[in-house]
Amino acid sequence: MLALSRKANESIMLGNDIEVTILEVKGDQVKVGIKAPKSVPIYRKEIYVQITQSNKEATADVGAEALAELLGK
């Protein structure tokens, strides 16, 4: 993991087209702004974990026969 120190209104770049800006620091809370192309999904980690868990559960319920039937084979 790369750890960087930034102050309010300072940014870091991820690749060529994602900019992360520190908007405000108040106590133990930091507001972060993210500029990225619309094609890049951005989630809070706890939401991302829920999404991936739901996807795993949904695919676990589908057997090979059900998948073949869905695909028309």
N, C-alpha and C. Protein backbone atom coordinates (compact mmCIF):
# COMPACT_ATOMS: atom_id res chain seq x y z
N MET A 1 0.84 -1.17 0.00
CA MET A 1 0.00 0.00 0.00
C MET A 1 0.89 1.24 0.00
N LEU A 2 0.51 2.19 -0.81
CA LEU A 2 1.20 3.47 -0.86
C LEU A 2 0.45 4.44 0.04
N ALA A 3 1.14 5.06 0.99
CA ALA A 3 0.51 6.04 1.88
C ALA A 3 1.06 7.42 1.54
N LEU A 4 0.15 8.36 1.28
CA LEU A 4 0.53 9.72 0.92
C LEU A 4 -0.09 10.71 1.88
N SER A 5 0.62 11.76 2.18
CA SER A 5 0.06 12.85 2.98
C SER A 5 -0.41 13.94 2.03
N ARG A 6 -1.61 14.41 2.23
CA ARG A 6 -2.18 15.48 1.43
C ARG A 6 -2.90 16.45 2.35
N LYS A 7 -2.94 17.70 1.99
CA LYS A 7 -3.69 18.71 2.72
C LYS A 7 -4.95 19.04 1.93
N ALA A 8 -5.85 19.79 2.55
CA ALA A 8 -7.08 20.20 1.86
C ALA A 8 -6.72 20.88 0.54
N ASN A 9 -7.50 20.56 -0.49
CA ASN A 9 -7.34 21.08 -1.86
C ASN A 9 -6.12 20.54 -2.59
N GLU A 10 -5.48 19.51 -2.06
CA GLU A 10 -4.40 18.85 -2.78
C GLU A 10 -4.93 17.54 -3.35
N SER A 11 -4.32 17.10 -4.44
CA SER A 11 -4.82 15.93 -5.17
C SER A 11 -3.73 14.90 -5.39
N ILE A 12 -4.18 13.71 -5.78
CA ILE A 12 -3.30 12.68 -6.33
C ILE A 12 -3.95 12.18 -7.60
N MET A 13 -3.15 11.67 -8.50
CA MET A 13 -3.65 11.12 -9.76
C MET A 13 -3.49 9.61 -9.75
N LEU A 14 -4.53 8.91 -10.17
CA LEU A 14 -4.49 7.46 -10.36
C LEU A 14 -4.55 7.23 -11.86
N GLY A 15 -3.44 6.81 -12.41
CA GLY A 15 -3.39 6.67 -13.86
C GLY A 15 -3.46 8.05 -14.50
N ASN A 16 -4.00 8.09 -15.71
CA ASN A 16 -4.08 9.34 -16.46
C ASN A 16 -5.38 10.10 -16.28
N ASP A 17 -6.42 9.41 -15.76
CA ASP A 17 -7.73 10.06 -15.81
C ASP A 17 -8.55 9.99 -14.52
N ILE A 18 -7.93 9.63 -13.40
CA ILE A 18 -8.65 9.62 -12.13
C ILE A 18 -7.91 10.53 -11.16
N GLU A 19 -8.63 11.54 -10.68
CA GLU A 19 -8.05 12.50 -9.74
C GLU A 19 -8.78 12.41 -8.41
N VAL A 20 -8.04 12.24 -7.34
CA VAL A 20 -8.59 12.18 -5.99
C VAL A 20 -8.14 13.44 -5.26
N THR A 21 -9.10 14.24 -4.79
CA THR A 21 -8.80 15.51 -4.14
C THR A 21 -9.30 15.48 -2.70
N ILE A 22 -8.49 15.96 -1.77
CA ILE A 22 -8.91 16.12 -0.38
C ILE A 22 -9.68 17.44 -0.33
N LEU A 23 -10.97 17.36 -0.03
CA LEU A 23 -11.80 18.56 -0.01
C LEU A 23 -11.79 19.24 1.35
N GLU A 24 -11.80 18.44 2.42
CA GLU A 24 -11.89 19.01 3.75
C GLU A 24 -11.39 18.01 4.78
N VAL A 25 -10.72 18.51 5.80
CA VAL A 25 -10.31 17.69 6.93
C VAL A 25 -10.90 18.35 8.18
N LYS A 26 -11.74 17.59 8.88
CA LYS A 26 -12.39 18.12 10.08
C LYS A 26 -12.34 17.05 11.15
N GLY A 27 -11.48 17.24 12.15
CA GLY A 27 -11.32 16.22 13.19
C GLY A 27 -10.78 14.94 12.60
N ASP A 28 -11.50 13.83 12.85
CA ASP A 28 -11.06 12.54 12.32
C ASP A 28 -11.78 12.17 11.03
N GLN A 29 -12.41 13.15 10.39
CA GLN A 29 -13.15 12.89 9.16
C GLN A 29 -12.52 13.65 7.99
N VAL A 30 -12.44 12.98 6.86
CA VAL A 30 -11.86 13.57 5.66
C VAL A 30 -12.88 13.48 4.54
N LYS A 31 -13.14 14.58 3.85
CA LYS A 31 -14.01 14.56 2.67
C LYS A 31 -13.12 14.47 1.44
N VAL A 32 -13.46 13.51 0.59
CA VAL A 32 -12.66 13.22 -0.59
C VAL A 32 -13.52 13.41 -1.83
N GLY A 33 -12.98 14.07 -2.84
CA GLY A 33 -13.65 14.20 -4.13
C GLY A 33 -12.91 13.35 -5.15
N ILE A 34 -13.67 12.72 -6.04
CA ILE A 34 -13.07 11.85 -7.06
C ILE A 34 -13.58 12.27 -8.43
N LYS A 35 -12.66 12.59 -9.34
CA LYS A 35 -13.01 12.85 -10.74
C LYS A 35 -12.54 11.65 -11.55
N ALA A 36 -13.48 11.01 -12.21
CA ALA A 36 -13.15 9.83 -13.00
C ALA A 36 -14.13 9.74 -14.17
N PRO A 37 -13.75 9.03 -15.22
CA PRO A 37 -14.68 8.82 -16.33
C PRO A 37 -15.94 8.09 -15.84
N LYS A 38 -17.05 8.34 -16.49
CA LYS A 38 -18.31 7.70 -16.10
C LYS A 38 -18.23 6.18 -16.21
N SER A 39 -17.32 5.68 -17.01
CA SER A 39 -17.18 4.23 -17.18
C SER A 39 -16.49 3.56 -15.99
N VAL A 40 -15.95 4.34 -15.07
CA VAL A 40 -15.26 3.79 -13.90
C VAL A 40 -16.23 3.78 -12.72
N PRO A 41 -16.63 2.59 -12.25
CA PRO A 41 -17.52 2.55 -11.09
C PRO A 41 -16.76 2.93 -9.82
N ILE A 42 -17.42 3.70 -8.95
CA ILE A 42 -16.82 4.11 -7.69
C ILE A 42 -17.79 3.76 -6.57
N TYR A 43 -17.34 2.97 -5.62
CA TYR A 43 -18.17 2.54 -4.50
C TYR A 43 -17.42 2.74 -3.20
N ARG A 44 -18.15 2.98 -2.12
CA ARG A 44 -17.56 2.87 -0.79
C ARG A 44 -17.26 1.38 -0.60
N LYS A 45 -16.20 1.06 0.13
CA LYS A 45 -15.77 -0.33 0.23
C LYS A 45 -16.86 -1.23 0.81
N GLU A 46 -17.58 -0.76 1.85
CA GLU A 46 -18.59 -1.63 2.45
C GLU A 46 -19.71 -1.95 1.46
N ILE A 47 -20.02 -1.03 0.56
CA ILE A 47 -21.03 -1.29 -0.48
C ILE A 47 -20.47 -2.27 -1.51
N TYR A 48 -19.21 -2.08 -1.89
CA TYR A 48 -18.56 -2.98 -2.85
C TYR A 48 -18.54 -4.42 -2.33
N VAL A 49 -18.23 -4.58 -1.05
CA VAL A 49 -18.21 -5.92 -0.44
C VAL A 49 -19.60 -6.54 -0.49
N GLN A 50 -20.64 -5.76 -0.20
CA GLN A 50 -22.01 -6.28 -0.27
C GLN A 50 -22.37 -6.70 -1.69
N ILE A 51 -21.99 -5.91 -2.67
CA ILE A 51 -22.28 -6.23 -4.07
C ILE A 51 -21.60 -7.53 -4.47
N THR A 52 -20.31 -7.66 -4.16
CA THR A 52 -19.59 -8.87 -4.56
C THR A 52 -20.14 -10.09 -3.84
N GLN A 53 -20.52 -9.95 -2.57
CA GLN A 53 -21.10 -11.07 -1.83
C GLN A 53 -22.43 -11.49 -2.44
N SER A 54 -23.27 -10.50 -2.78
CA SER A 54 -24.56 -10.81 -3.41
C SER A 54 -24.36 -11.51 -4.75
N ASN A 55 -23.37 -11.07 -5.51
CA ASN A 55 -23.09 -11.71 -6.80
C ASN A 55 -22.63 -13.16 -6.62
N LYS A 56 -21.80 -13.40 -5.61
CA LYS A 56 -21.34 -14.77 -5.34
C LYS A 56 -22.52 -15.66 -4.94
N GLU A 57 -23.39 -15.14 -4.09
CA GLU A 57 -24.56 -15.91 -3.66
C GLU A 57 -25.49 -16.20 -4.83
N ALA A 58 -25.68 -15.23 -5.70
CA ALA A 58 -26.57 -15.42 -6.84
C ALA A 58 -26.03 -16.47 -7.80
N THR A 59 -24.73 -16.48 -8.02
CA THR A 59 -24.16 -17.47 -8.94
C THR A 59 -24.07 -18.84 -8.30
N ALA A 60 -23.96 -18.91 -6.99
CA ALA A 60 -23.89 -20.21 -6.31
C ALA A 60 -25.22 -20.95 -6.39
N ASP A 61 -26.32 -20.21 -6.49
CA ASP A 61 -27.64 -20.82 -6.55
C ASP A 61 -27.97 -21.40 -7.92
N VAL A 62 -27.19 -21.05 -8.92
CA VAL A 62 -27.47 -21.50 -10.29
C VAL A 62 -26.62 -22.72 -10.60
N GLY A 63 -27.27 -23.84 -10.86
CA GLY A 63 -26.55 -25.06 -11.21
C GLY A 63 -26.23 -25.07 -12.70
N ALA A 64 -25.44 -26.04 -13.10
CA ALA A 64 -25.03 -26.15 -14.50
C ALA A 64 -26.25 -26.38 -15.41
N GLU A 65 -27.22 -27.17 -14.96
CA GLU A 65 -28.40 -27.44 -15.78
C GLU A 65 -29.23 -26.17 -15.98
N ALA A 66 -29.40 -25.41 -14.90
CA ALA A 66 -30.17 -24.17 -15.01
C ALA A 66 -29.47 -23.18 -15.93
N LEU A 67 -28.15 -23.13 -15.86
CA LEU A 67 -27.40 -22.24 -16.73
C LEU A 67 -27.53 -22.66 -18.19
N ALA A 68 -27.44 -23.95 -18.46
CA ALA A 68 -27.58 -24.45 -19.83
C ALA A 68 -28.97 -24.14 -20.36
N GLU A 69 -30.00 -24.30 -19.50
CA GLU A 69 -31.36 -23.99 -19.91
C GLU A 69 -31.53 -22.51 -20.21
N LEU A 70 -30.92 -21.68 -19.40
CA LEU A 70 -30.98 -20.23 -19.60
C LEU A 70 -30.34 -19.83 -20.92
N LEU A 71 -29.26 -20.51 -21.26
CA LEU A 71 -28.54 -20.21 -22.51
C LEU A 71 -29.15 -20.91 -23.71
N GLY A 72 -30.17 -21.73 -23.47
CA GLY A 72 -30.85 -22.40 -24.56
C GLY A 72 -30.09 -23.58 -25.12
N LYS A 73 -29.31 -24.23 -24.30
CA LYS A 73 -28.53 -25.38 -24.78
C LYS A 73 -29.07 -26.66 -24.23
